[in-house]
Amino acid sequence: MKGGKLFVFSAPSGSGKTTIVQYLLKQEELNLAFSVSATSREPRGDERHGEDYYFINLKDFKQHIKNGDFLEWEEVYRDNFYGTLKTEVERLWAMGKNVIFDIDVVGGLRIKKKFPNVTLAVFVKPPSIDELKIRLKKRKTEDDDKINMRIAKASVELATAPQFDYIIQNDDLTTALAEAKNLVSEFIAKPISEEEE
């Protein structure tokens, strides 16, 4: 696999990483394309196959794992798998794009490990766990049990922040967006030497 640069944005749920990624995708000069993740879970709300996620049933997802079709995958919750299909990144690279990911910390670090020299891994940090809980409740997409599960997971995810290339503290969205854009622009401009590819 050979192509453009890879940009990984990871964070606990509710940190604002999706908002940042959507903003970056609108910056045409960055030439970014979004890597659509695969998941074994059912669609939520008006989510669409091929746009929000590739929805794959559990049996087929496990078969893709056996076949080695994923760049990275993880069982995020029991029987709830997420992953990045190799064909998705190859498709975007073939279009001459830099690829941006909005994925969990484990998947993000796996991509960084596989492509260390062409990947910029950014961790988006929420102001606090309390603020995270408020944001998740405001969404009104999940019950209290699910929110508590996400908060428990967030504490573990926050501990991985130092393993990323950069940490963006999302206290102020305007500042976080500008910081993200600068990081991505600088990384795109950085040449890759032959031996690093």
N, C-alpha and C. Protein backbone atom coordinates (compact mmCIF):
# COMPACT_ATOMS: atom_id res chain seq x y z
N MET A 1 0.84 -1.19 0.00
CA MET A 1 0.00 0.00 0.00
C MET A 1 0.88 1.25 0.00
N LYS A 2 0.63 2.13 -0.95
CA LYS A 2 1.43 3.34 -1.05
C LYS A 2 0.55 4.47 -1.57
N GLY A 3 0.65 5.63 -0.93
CA GLY A 3 -0.18 6.74 -1.38
C GLY A 3 0.10 8.00 -0.62
N GLY A 4 -0.98 8.75 -0.26
CA GLY A 4 -0.82 10.03 0.43
C GLY A 4 -0.54 9.88 1.90
N LYS A 5 -0.74 10.97 2.61
CA LYS A 5 -0.53 10.99 4.06
C LYS A 5 -1.80 10.50 4.76
N LEU A 6 -1.62 10.08 6.01
CA LEU A 6 -2.73 9.58 6.83
C LEU A 6 -2.85 10.46 8.07
N PHE A 7 -4.08 10.84 8.40
CA PHE A 7 -4.33 11.67 9.57
C PHE A 7 -5.33 10.98 10.49
N VAL A 8 -4.85 10.61 11.66
CA VAL A 8 -5.67 9.89 12.63
C VAL A 8 -6.13 10.87 13.71
N PHE A 9 -7.43 10.97 13.92
CA PHE A 9 -7.98 11.76 15.02
C PHE A 9 -8.72 10.80 15.94
N SER A 10 -8.23 10.71 17.17
CA SER A 10 -8.84 9.81 18.16
C SER A 10 -9.13 10.59 19.44
N ALA A 11 -10.11 10.10 20.18
CA ALA A 11 -10.52 10.77 21.41
C ALA A 11 -11.64 9.99 22.06
N PRO A 12 -11.88 10.25 23.34
CA PRO A 12 -13.08 9.67 23.95
C PRO A 12 -14.32 10.24 23.27
N SER A 13 -15.39 9.48 23.26
CA SER A 13 -16.66 9.92 22.70
C SER A 13 -17.10 11.23 23.34
N GLY A 14 -17.45 12.23 22.52
CA GLY A 14 -17.92 13.51 23.06
C GLY A 14 -16.84 14.57 23.19
N SER A 15 -15.61 14.25 22.75
CA SER A 15 -14.50 15.21 22.86
C SER A 15 -14.51 16.27 21.77
N GLY A 16 -15.23 15.99 20.68
CA GLY A 16 -15.29 16.95 19.58
C GLY A 16 -14.47 16.56 18.37
N LYS A 17 -13.94 15.31 18.35
CA LYS A 17 -13.09 14.92 17.23
C LYS A 17 -13.85 14.89 15.91
N THR A 18 -15.11 14.45 15.92
CA THR A 18 -15.90 14.39 14.69
C THR A 18 -16.13 15.79 14.12
N THR A 19 -16.40 16.75 14.98
CA THR A 19 -16.58 18.15 14.56
C THR A 19 -15.29 18.67 13.91
N ILE A 20 -14.15 18.34 14.51
CA ILE A 20 -12.85 18.78 13.97
C ILE A 20 -12.59 18.13 12.62
N VAL A 21 -12.83 16.82 12.52
CA VAL A 21 -12.61 16.10 11.26
C VAL A 21 -13.51 16.66 10.15
N GLN A 22 -14.77 16.93 10.46
CA GLN A 22 -15.70 17.47 9.46
C GLN A 22 -15.24 18.85 8.98
N TYR A 23 -14.72 19.65 9.89
CA TYR A 23 -14.19 20.97 9.53
C TYR A 23 -12.99 20.83 8.58
N LEU A 24 -12.08 19.93 8.91
CA LEU A 24 -10.88 19.73 8.09
C LEU A 24 -11.23 19.24 6.68
N LEU A 25 -12.23 18.39 6.59
CA LEU A 25 -12.66 17.87 5.28
C LEU A 25 -13.16 18.99 4.36
N LYS A 26 -13.67 20.06 4.96
CA LYS A 26 -14.18 21.20 4.16
C LYS A 26 -13.06 22.11 3.66
N GLN A 27 -11.84 21.94 4.18
CA GLN A 27 -10.70 22.77 3.77
C GLN A 27 -10.09 22.15 2.50
N GLU A 28 -10.55 22.60 1.34
CA GLU A 28 -10.18 21.97 0.07
C GLU A 28 -8.68 21.88 -0.17
N GLU A 29 -7.93 22.90 0.28
CA GLU A 29 -6.48 22.91 0.03
C GLU A 29 -5.74 21.75 0.72
N LEU A 30 -6.40 21.12 1.71
CA LEU A 30 -5.77 19.99 2.41
C LEU A 30 -5.91 18.68 1.62
N ASN A 31 -6.82 18.64 0.64
CA ASN A 31 -7.02 17.46 -0.21
C ASN A 31 -7.26 16.19 0.61
N LEU A 32 -8.20 16.30 1.55
CA LEU A 32 -8.50 15.18 2.45
C LEU A 32 -9.73 14.41 2.00
N ALA A 33 -9.72 13.12 2.27
CA ALA A 33 -10.90 12.28 2.06
C ALA A 33 -11.09 11.46 3.32
N PHE A 34 -12.35 11.25 3.69
CA PHE A 34 -12.68 10.55 4.93
C PHE A 34 -12.68 9.04 4.75
N SER A 35 -11.98 8.36 5.64
CA SER A 35 -11.98 6.90 5.64
C SER A 35 -13.21 6.42 6.41
N VAL A 36 -14.13 5.81 5.68
CA VAL A 36 -15.35 5.29 6.30
C VAL A 36 -15.03 3.97 6.99
N SER A 37 -15.29 3.90 8.28
CA SER A 37 -15.01 2.68 9.06
C SER A 37 -16.10 1.65 8.84
N ALA A 38 -15.75 0.40 9.08
CA ALA A 38 -16.73 -0.69 9.06
C ALA A 38 -17.14 -0.97 10.50
N THR A 39 -18.38 -1.38 10.69
CA THR A 39 -18.84 -1.76 12.03
C THR A 39 -19.83 -2.91 11.95
N SER A 40 -19.87 -3.68 13.04
CA SER A 40 -20.82 -4.80 13.10
C SER A 40 -22.13 -4.37 13.76
N ARG A 41 -22.18 -3.13 14.26
CA ARG A 41 -23.42 -2.69 14.93
C ARG A 41 -24.47 -2.24 13.91
N GLU A 42 -25.69 -2.12 14.41
CA GLU A 42 -26.80 -1.66 13.57
C GLU A 42 -26.71 -0.14 13.35
N PRO A 43 -27.23 0.37 12.23
CA PRO A 43 -27.24 1.82 12.02
C PRO A 43 -28.08 2.53 13.09
N ARG A 44 -27.64 3.74 13.47
CA ARG A 44 -28.38 4.57 14.43
C ARG A 44 -28.99 5.74 13.68
N GLY A 45 -30.21 6.09 14.03
CA GLY A 45 -30.86 7.27 13.43
C GLY A 45 -30.88 7.21 11.91
N ASP A 46 -30.35 8.26 11.27
CA ASP A 46 -30.36 8.29 9.80
C ASP A 46 -29.00 7.96 9.20
N GLU A 47 -28.19 7.17 9.93
CA GLU A 47 -26.89 6.77 9.40
C GLU A 47 -27.06 5.94 8.13
N ARG A 48 -26.14 6.20 7.16
CA ARG A 48 -26.24 5.50 5.88
C ARG A 48 -25.01 4.64 5.59
N HIS A 49 -25.27 3.46 5.03
CA HIS A 49 -24.21 2.53 4.65
C HIS A 49 -23.35 3.17 3.57
N GLY A 50 -22.01 3.10 3.78
CA GLY A 50 -21.08 3.65 2.78
C GLY A 50 -20.78 5.12 2.97
N GLU A 51 -21.59 5.80 3.82
CA GLU A 51 -21.35 7.22 4.09
C GLU A 51 -20.89 7.41 5.53
N ASP A 52 -21.68 6.90 6.47
CA ASP A 52 -21.31 7.01 7.88
C ASP A 52 -20.43 5.84 8.30
N TYR A 53 -20.84 4.66 7.90
CA TYR A 53 -20.10 3.42 8.17
C TYR A 53 -20.41 2.44 7.06
N TYR A 54 -19.55 1.40 6.97
CA TYR A 54 -19.92 0.22 6.19
C TYR A 54 -20.51 -0.73 7.24
N PHE A 55 -21.80 -0.96 7.17
CA PHE A 55 -22.46 -1.82 8.15
C PHE A 55 -22.36 -3.27 7.68
N ILE A 56 -21.63 -4.08 8.47
CA ILE A 56 -21.37 -5.48 8.11
C ILE A 56 -21.86 -6.34 9.27
N ASN A 57 -22.63 -7.39 8.98
CA ASN A 57 -23.11 -8.19 10.10
C ASN A 57 -21.94 -8.90 10.80
N LEU A 58 -22.18 -9.34 12.03
CA LEU A 58 -21.14 -9.90 12.88
C LEU A 58 -20.40 -11.06 12.23
N LYS A 59 -21.15 -11.97 11.61
CA LYS A 59 -20.55 -13.15 10.96
C LYS A 59 -19.59 -12.73 9.84
N ASP A 60 -20.04 -11.81 8.99
CA ASP A 60 -19.21 -11.35 7.88
C ASP A 60 -18.00 -10.54 8.37
N PHE A 61 -18.22 -9.76 9.43
CA PHE A 61 -17.12 -8.97 10.00
C PHE A 61 -16.00 -9.91 10.47
N LYS A 62 -16.39 -10.98 11.18
CA LYS A 62 -15.40 -11.94 11.68
C LYS A 62 -14.68 -12.64 10.52
N GLN A 63 -15.40 -12.86 9.41
CA GLN A 63 -14.79 -13.47 8.22
C GLN A 63 -13.74 -12.52 7.61
N HIS A 64 -14.07 -11.23 7.56
CA HIS A 64 -13.10 -10.23 7.06
C HIS A 64 -11.84 -10.22 7.93
N ILE A 65 -12.01 -10.38 9.24
CA ILE A 65 -10.86 -10.43 10.16
C ILE A 65 -9.99 -11.64 9.79
N LYS A 66 -10.64 -12.80 9.63
CA LYS A 66 -9.91 -14.04 9.26
C LYS A 66 -9.16 -13.87 7.95
N ASN A 67 -9.79 -13.17 6.99
CA ASN A 67 -9.18 -12.96 5.67
C ASN A 67 -8.06 -11.92 5.66
N GLY A 68 -7.89 -11.22 6.78
CA GLY A 68 -6.86 -10.17 6.85
C GLY A 68 -7.22 -8.93 6.03
N ASP A 69 -8.52 -8.64 5.94
CA ASP A 69 -8.99 -7.51 5.12
C ASP A 69 -8.91 -6.15 5.82
N PHE A 70 -8.59 -6.15 7.13
CA PHE A 70 -8.56 -4.89 7.88
C PHE A 70 -7.14 -4.37 8.11
N LEU A 71 -7.00 -3.05 8.04
CA LEU A 71 -5.75 -2.39 8.44
C LEU A 71 -5.67 -2.45 9.95
N GLU A 72 -6.80 -2.25 10.58
CA GLU A 72 -6.93 -2.35 12.04
C GLU A 72 -8.38 -2.67 12.35
N TRP A 73 -8.60 -3.33 13.48
CA TRP A 73 -9.96 -3.60 13.93
C TRP A 73 -9.93 -3.77 15.44
N GLU A 74 -11.08 -3.61 16.05
CA GLU A 74 -11.17 -3.79 17.49
C GLU A 74 -12.60 -4.14 17.88
N GLU A 75 -12.69 -4.97 18.90
CA GLU A 75 -14.00 -5.25 19.51
C GLU A 75 -14.17 -4.20 20.60
N VAL A 76 -14.86 -3.10 20.27
CA VAL A 76 -14.96 -1.96 21.17
C VAL A 76 -15.82 -2.29 22.39
N TYR A 77 -16.95 -2.90 22.15
CA TYR A 77 -17.80 -3.44 23.21
C TYR A 77 -18.10 -4.88 22.79
N ARG A 78 -18.67 -5.69 23.65
CA ARG A 78 -18.90 -7.10 23.34
C ARG A 78 -19.72 -7.27 22.05
N ASP A 79 -19.17 -8.04 21.09
CA ASP A 79 -19.80 -8.29 19.79
C ASP A 79 -20.09 -7.00 19.01
N ASN A 80 -19.35 -5.95 19.33
CA ASN A 80 -19.51 -4.66 18.66
C ASN A 80 -18.15 -4.27 18.09
N PHE A 81 -17.93 -4.65 16.83
CA PHE A 81 -16.63 -4.47 16.19
C PHE A 81 -16.59 -3.23 15.30
N TYR A 82 -15.40 -2.62 15.26
CA TYR A 82 -15.14 -1.50 14.34
C TYR A 82 -13.80 -1.79 13.67
N GLY A 83 -13.64 -1.31 12.45
CA GLY A 83 -12.36 -1.51 11.78
C GLY A 83 -12.23 -0.69 10.51
N THR A 84 -11.02 -0.66 9.99
CA THR A 84 -10.72 0.06 8.74
C THR A 84 -10.35 -0.97 7.68
N LEU A 85 -11.14 -1.04 6.64
CA LEU A 85 -10.85 -1.97 5.54
C LEU A 85 -9.69 -1.43 4.70
N LYS A 86 -8.75 -2.32 4.33
CA LYS A 86 -7.62 -1.92 3.49
C LYS A 86 -8.10 -1.33 2.18
N THR A 87 -9.18 -1.91 1.63
CA THR A 87 -9.71 -1.46 0.34
C THR A 87 -10.19 0.00 0.40
N GLU A 88 -10.63 0.44 1.59
CA GLU A 88 -11.11 1.82 1.75
C GLU A 88 -9.95 2.81 1.59
N VAL A 89 -8.83 2.53 2.25
CA VAL A 89 -7.66 3.42 2.16
C VAL A 89 -7.08 3.37 0.74
N GLU A 90 -7.01 2.18 0.16
CA GLU A 90 -6.50 2.04 -1.21
C GLU A 90 -7.37 2.83 -2.20
N ARG A 91 -8.68 2.81 -2.00
CA ARG A 91 -9.62 3.53 -2.88
C ARG A 91 -9.35 5.04 -2.82
N LEU A 92 -9.15 5.56 -1.60
CA LEU A 92 -8.93 7.00 -1.43
C LEU A 92 -7.54 7.42 -1.93
N TRP A 93 -6.54 6.59 -1.70
CA TRP A 93 -5.19 6.87 -2.21
C TRP A 93 -5.19 6.87 -3.74
N ALA A 94 -5.95 5.97 -4.33
CA ALA A 94 -6.04 5.90 -5.80
C ALA A 94 -6.63 7.18 -6.37
N MET A 95 -7.42 7.90 -5.56
CA MET A 95 -8.01 9.17 -5.98
C MET A 95 -7.03 10.33 -5.76
N GLY A 96 -5.82 10.01 -5.25
CA GLY A 96 -4.81 11.03 -5.00
C GLY A 96 -5.05 11.85 -3.74
N LYS A 97 -5.78 11.27 -2.78
CA LYS A 97 -6.17 11.99 -1.57
C LYS A 97 -5.27 11.65 -0.38
N ASN A 98 -5.23 12.58 0.59
CA ASN A 98 -4.71 12.28 1.92
C ASN A 98 -5.91 11.76 2.69
N VAL A 99 -5.69 10.77 3.54
CA VAL A 99 -6.81 10.09 4.20
C VAL A 99 -6.90 10.52 5.67
N ILE A 100 -8.12 10.88 6.10
CA ILE A 100 -8.35 11.27 7.49
C ILE A 100 -9.27 10.25 8.17
N PHE A 101 -8.92 9.89 9.40
CA PHE A 101 -9.65 8.89 10.18
C PHE A 101 -10.22 9.52 11.43
N ASP A 102 -11.44 9.11 11.77
CA ASP A 102 -12.09 9.50 13.02
C ASP A 102 -12.35 8.16 13.72
N ILE A 103 -11.35 7.69 14.47
CA ILE A 103 -11.44 6.34 15.05
C ILE A 103 -10.99 6.30 16.51
N ASP A 104 -11.28 5.17 17.17
CA ASP A 104 -10.92 5.05 18.58
C ASP A 104 -9.40 4.98 18.75
N VAL A 105 -8.95 5.15 19.98
CA VAL A 105 -7.52 5.26 20.25
C VAL A 105 -6.72 4.02 19.87
N VAL A 106 -7.27 2.84 20.11
CA VAL A 106 -6.54 1.61 19.79
C VAL A 106 -6.31 1.50 18.28
N GLY A 107 -7.38 1.73 17.51
CA GLY A 107 -7.27 1.69 16.06
C GLY A 107 -6.34 2.76 15.53
N GLY A 108 -6.43 3.95 16.11
CA GLY A 108 -5.57 5.06 15.70
C GLY A 108 -4.10 4.74 15.89
N LEU A 109 -3.76 4.18 17.04
CA LEU A 109 -2.36 3.84 17.32
C LEU A 109 -1.87 2.69 16.45
N ARG A 110 -2.78 1.78 16.08
CA ARG A 110 -2.39 0.67 15.19
C ARG A 110 -2.00 1.19 13.81
N ILE A 111 -2.78 2.17 13.30
CA ILE A 111 -2.48 2.75 11.99
C ILE A 111 -1.13 3.49 12.06
N LYS A 112 -0.90 4.23 13.13
CA LYS A 112 0.36 4.95 13.32
C LYS A 112 1.53 3.96 13.32
N LYS A 113 1.34 2.81 13.96
CA LYS A 113 2.41 1.81 14.04
C LYS A 113 2.69 1.18 12.66
N LYS A 114 1.63 0.97 11.87
CA LYS A 114 1.79 0.36 10.55
C LYS A 114 2.42 1.31 9.54
N PHE A 115 2.07 2.60 9.64
CA PHE A 115 2.58 3.61 8.70
C PHE A 115 3.18 4.78 9.48
N PRO A 116 4.28 4.53 10.23
CA PRO A 116 4.78 5.57 11.14
C PRO A 116 5.19 6.88 10.47
N ASN A 117 5.73 6.81 9.28
CA ASN A 117 6.30 8.02 8.66
C ASN A 117 5.31 8.84 7.85
N VAL A 118 4.17 8.25 7.50
CA VAL A 118 3.18 9.01 6.72
C VAL A 118 1.91 9.29 7.53
N THR A 119 1.95 8.95 8.84
CA THR A 119 0.77 9.14 9.68
C THR A 119 1.01 10.20 10.74
N LEU A 120 0.05 11.12 10.86
CA LEU A 120 0.03 12.08 11.96
C LEU A 120 -1.12 11.65 12.86
N ALA A 121 -0.79 11.29 14.10
CA ALA A 121 -1.81 10.83 15.04
C ALA A 121 -2.09 11.94 16.07
N VAL A 122 -3.35 12.38 16.10
CA VAL A 122 -3.75 13.50 16.97
C VAL A 122 -4.80 13.02 17.97
N PHE A 123 -4.57 13.33 19.23
CA PHE A 123 -5.52 12.99 20.29
C PHE A 123 -6.27 14.27 20.67
N VAL A 124 -7.60 14.21 20.68
CA VAL A 124 -8.42 15.36 21.05
C VAL A 124 -8.89 15.16 22.49
N LYS A 125 -8.47 16.07 23.35
CA LYS A 125 -8.73 15.93 24.78
C LYS A 125 -9.89 16.83 25.20
N PRO A 126 -10.87 16.28 25.91
CA PRO A 126 -11.97 17.12 26.41
C PRO A 126 -11.49 17.95 27.60
N PRO A 127 -12.19 19.03 27.92
CA PRO A 127 -11.78 19.85 29.07
C PRO A 127 -11.72 19.03 30.37
N SER A 128 -12.69 18.13 30.56
CA SER A 128 -12.72 17.29 31.76
C SER A 128 -13.70 16.13 31.54
N ILE A 129 -13.64 15.15 32.42
CA ILE A 129 -14.59 14.02 32.36
C ILE A 129 -16.02 14.52 32.61
N ASP A 130 -16.17 15.48 33.51
CA ASP A 130 -17.50 16.03 33.81
C ASP A 130 -18.10 16.70 32.57
N GLU A 131 -17.27 17.47 31.87
CA GLU A 131 -17.73 18.14 30.64
C GLU A 131 -18.12 17.10 29.58
N LEU A 132 -17.35 16.01 29.54
CA LEU A 132 -17.63 14.93 28.59
C LEU A 132 -19.01 14.34 28.85
N LYS A 133 -19.32 14.12 30.12
CA LYS A 133 -20.61 13.55 30.51
C LYS A 133 -21.76 14.49 30.09
N ILE A 134 -21.56 15.80 30.29
CA ILE A 134 -22.57 16.80 29.89
C ILE A 134 -22.80 16.74 28.39
N ARG A 135 -21.71 16.69 27.61
CA ARG A 135 -21.81 16.64 26.15
C ARG A 135 -22.54 15.38 25.68
N LEU A 136 -22.22 14.25 26.29
CA LEU A 136 -22.86 12.98 25.89
C LEU A 136 -24.35 12.99 26.21
N LYS A 137 -24.71 13.57 27.36
CA LYS A 137 -26.14 13.66 27.73
C LYS A 137 -26.90 14.58 26.78
N LYS A 138 -26.25 15.68 26.37
CA LYS A 138 -26.88 16.65 25.45
C LYS A 138 -27.22 16.03 24.10
N ARG A 139 -26.43 15.05 23.69
CA ARG A 139 -26.67 14.37 22.40
C ARG A 139 -28.03 13.68 22.35
N LYS A 140 -28.44 13.16 23.53
CA LYS A 140 -29.71 12.41 23.66
C LYS A 140 -29.80 11.23 22.68
N THR A 141 -28.65 10.55 22.45
CA THR A 141 -28.66 9.40 21.54
C THR A 141 -28.56 8.08 22.29
N GLU A 142 -28.19 8.15 23.58
CA GLU A 142 -27.99 6.92 24.34
C GLU A 142 -28.54 7.03 25.75
N ASP A 143 -28.85 5.87 26.35
CA ASP A 143 -29.36 5.87 27.73
C ASP A 143 -28.20 6.05 28.72
N ASP A 144 -28.54 6.22 30.00
CA ASP A 144 -27.54 6.48 31.04
C ASP A 144 -26.51 5.35 31.16
N ASP A 145 -26.94 4.09 31.00
CA ASP A 145 -26.01 2.97 31.09
C ASP A 145 -24.92 3.06 30.03
N LYS A 146 -25.34 3.36 28.80
CA LYS A 146 -24.38 3.50 27.68
C LYS A 146 -23.43 4.68 27.94
N ILE A 147 -23.99 5.77 28.43
CA ILE A 147 -23.16 6.96 28.72
C ILE A 147 -22.14 6.63 29.80
N ASN A 148 -22.57 5.94 30.86
CA ASN A 148 -21.65 5.56 31.93
C ASN A 148 -20.55 4.62 31.43
N MET A 149 -20.92 3.75 30.49
CA MET A 149 -19.94 2.83 29.88
C MET A 149 -18.89 3.65 29.10
N ARG A 150 -19.36 4.67 28.36
CA ARG A 150 -18.46 5.53 27.58
C ARG A 150 -17.54 6.34 28.50
N ILE A 151 -18.08 6.82 29.62
CA ILE A 151 -17.29 7.61 30.57
C ILE A 151 -16.19 6.73 31.19
N ALA A 152 -16.54 5.49 31.54
CA ALA A 152 -15.55 4.56 32.10
C ALA A 152 -14.44 4.30 31.08
N LYS A 153 -14.84 4.14 29.83
CA LYS A 153 -13.87 3.89 28.74
C LYS A 153 -13.00 5.13 28.51
N ALA A 154 -13.59 6.32 28.67
CA ALA A 154 -12.87 7.57 28.44
C ALA A 154 -11.64 7.70 29.34
N SER A 155 -11.77 7.27 30.60
CA SER A 155 -10.64 7.35 31.54
C SER A 155 -9.46 6.53 31.03
N VAL A 156 -9.75 5.35 30.49
CA VAL A 156 -8.71 4.48 29.93
C VAL A 156 -8.11 5.13 28.68
N GLU A 157 -8.99 5.68 27.82
CA GLU A 157 -8.52 6.31 26.58
C GLU A 157 -7.64 7.53 26.85
N LEU A 158 -8.00 8.33 27.86
CA LEU A 158 -7.21 9.52 28.20
C LEU A 158 -5.77 9.15 28.58
N ALA A 159 -5.60 7.97 29.15
CA ALA A 159 -4.27 7.52 29.54
C ALA A 159 -3.36 7.25 28.33
N THR A 160 -3.96 7.04 27.14
CA THR A 160 -3.15 6.75 25.94
C THR A 160 -2.70 8.03 25.23
N ALA A 161 -3.23 9.19 25.64
CA ALA A 161 -2.92 10.46 24.95
C ALA A 161 -1.42 10.68 24.68
N PRO A 162 -0.52 10.41 25.64
CA PRO A 162 0.91 10.66 25.40
C PRO A 162 1.51 9.82 24.25
N GLN A 163 0.83 8.75 23.83
CA GLN A 163 1.35 7.92 22.73
C GLN A 163 1.09 8.54 21.36
N PHE A 164 0.29 9.61 21.30
CA PHE A 164 -0.02 10.28 20.04
C PHE A 164 1.03 11.36 19.73
N ASP A 165 1.10 11.75 18.45
CA ASP A 165 2.07 12.78 18.05
C ASP A 165 1.74 14.13 18.66
N TYR A 166 0.44 14.43 18.73
CA TYR A 166 -0.01 15.72 19.27
C TYR A 166 -1.27 15.53 20.09
N ILE A 167 -1.46 16.42 21.06
CA ILE A 167 -2.70 16.45 21.84
C ILE A 167 -3.32 17.83 21.63
N ILE A 168 -4.56 17.85 21.18
CA ILE A 168 -5.30 19.11 21.08
C ILE A 168 -6.27 19.16 22.26
N GLN A 169 -6.12 20.17 23.09
CA GLN A 169 -7.02 20.36 24.24
C GLN A 169 -8.25 21.12 23.73
N ASN A 170 -9.40 20.45 23.67
CA ASN A 170 -10.59 21.09 23.11
C ASN A 170 -11.41 21.81 24.18
N ASP A 171 -10.85 22.91 24.71
CA ASP A 171 -11.58 23.76 25.65
C ASP A 171 -12.40 24.78 24.87
N ASP A 172 -11.81 25.24 23.76
CA ASP A 172 -12.43 26.24 22.91
C ASP A 172 -12.39 25.72 21.47
N LEU A 173 -13.58 25.49 20.89
CA LEU A 173 -13.65 24.85 19.57
C LEU A 173 -12.92 25.63 18.48
N THR A 174 -13.06 26.96 18.45
CA THR A 174 -12.41 27.78 17.41
C THR A 174 -10.90 27.60 17.45
N THR A 175 -10.33 27.61 18.65
CA THR A 175 -8.89 27.40 18.83
C THR A 175 -8.49 26.00 18.41
N ALA A 176 -9.28 25.00 18.80
CA ALA A 176 -8.99 23.60 18.45
C ALA A 176 -9.01 23.38 16.93
N LEU A 177 -9.97 24.01 16.25
CA LEU A 177 -10.07 23.88 14.79
C LEU A 177 -8.85 24.48 14.11
N ALA A 178 -8.44 25.66 14.55
CA ALA A 178 -7.27 26.34 13.96
C ALA A 178 -6.01 25.51 14.20
N GLU A 179 -5.88 24.97 15.40
CA GLU A 179 -4.71 24.14 15.75
C GLU A 179 -4.66 22.89 14.88
N ALA A 180 -5.81 22.25 14.71
CA ALA A 180 -5.88 21.03 13.88
C ALA A 180 -5.49 21.34 12.44
N LYS A 181 -6.01 22.44 11.90
CA LYS A 181 -5.71 22.81 10.52
C LYS A 181 -4.21 23.07 10.33
N ASN A 182 -3.60 23.78 11.28
CA ASN A 182 -2.15 24.04 11.20
C ASN A 182 -1.34 22.76 11.23
N LEU A 183 -1.70 21.84 12.13
CA LEU A 183 -0.98 20.57 12.24
C LEU A 183 -1.04 19.78 10.93
N VAL A 184 -2.26 19.71 10.35
CA VAL A 184 -2.45 18.95 9.11
C VAL A 184 -1.70 19.61 7.96
N SER A 185 -1.79 20.94 7.83
CA SER A 185 -1.10 21.66 6.76
C SER A 185 0.41 21.44 6.82
N GLU A 186 0.97 21.57 8.02
CA GLU A 186 2.42 21.38 8.19
C GLU A 186 2.85 19.97 7.85
N PHE A 187 2.04 18.98 8.25
CA PHE A 187 2.40 17.58 7.98
C PHE A 187 2.31 17.27 6.48
N ILE A 188 1.34 17.84 5.80
CA ILE A 188 1.20 17.64 4.35
C ILE A 188 2.42 18.22 3.63
N ALA A 189 2.88 19.38 4.09
CA ALA A 189 4.01 20.07 3.45
C ALA A 189 5.35 19.36 3.69
N LYS A 190 5.41 18.54 4.73
CA LYS A 190 6.65 17.85 5.09
C LYS A 190 6.98 16.76 4.06
N PRO A 191 8.17 16.83 3.44
CA PRO A 191 8.51 15.80 2.46
C PRO A 191 8.76 14.44 3.12
N ILE A 192 8.53 13.38 2.37
CA ILE A 192 8.81 12.02 2.86
C ILE A 192 10.02 11.53 2.09
N SER A 193 11.07 11.14 2.82
CA SER A 193 12.25 10.64 2.11
C SER A 193 11.98 9.23 1.62
N GLU A 194 12.73 8.82 0.61
CA GLU A 194 12.53 7.50 -0.03
C GLU A 194 12.49 6.35 0.97
N GLU A 195 13.47 6.33 1.89
CA GLU A 195 13.54 5.19 2.82
C GLU A 195 12.41 5.18 3.83
N GLU A 196 11.71 6.29 3.99
CA GLU A 196 10.61 6.34 4.96
C GLU A 196 9.33 5.77 4.43
N GLU A 197 9.17 5.66 3.12
CA GLU A 197 7.89 5.23 2.54
C GLU A 197 7.60 3.78 2.83
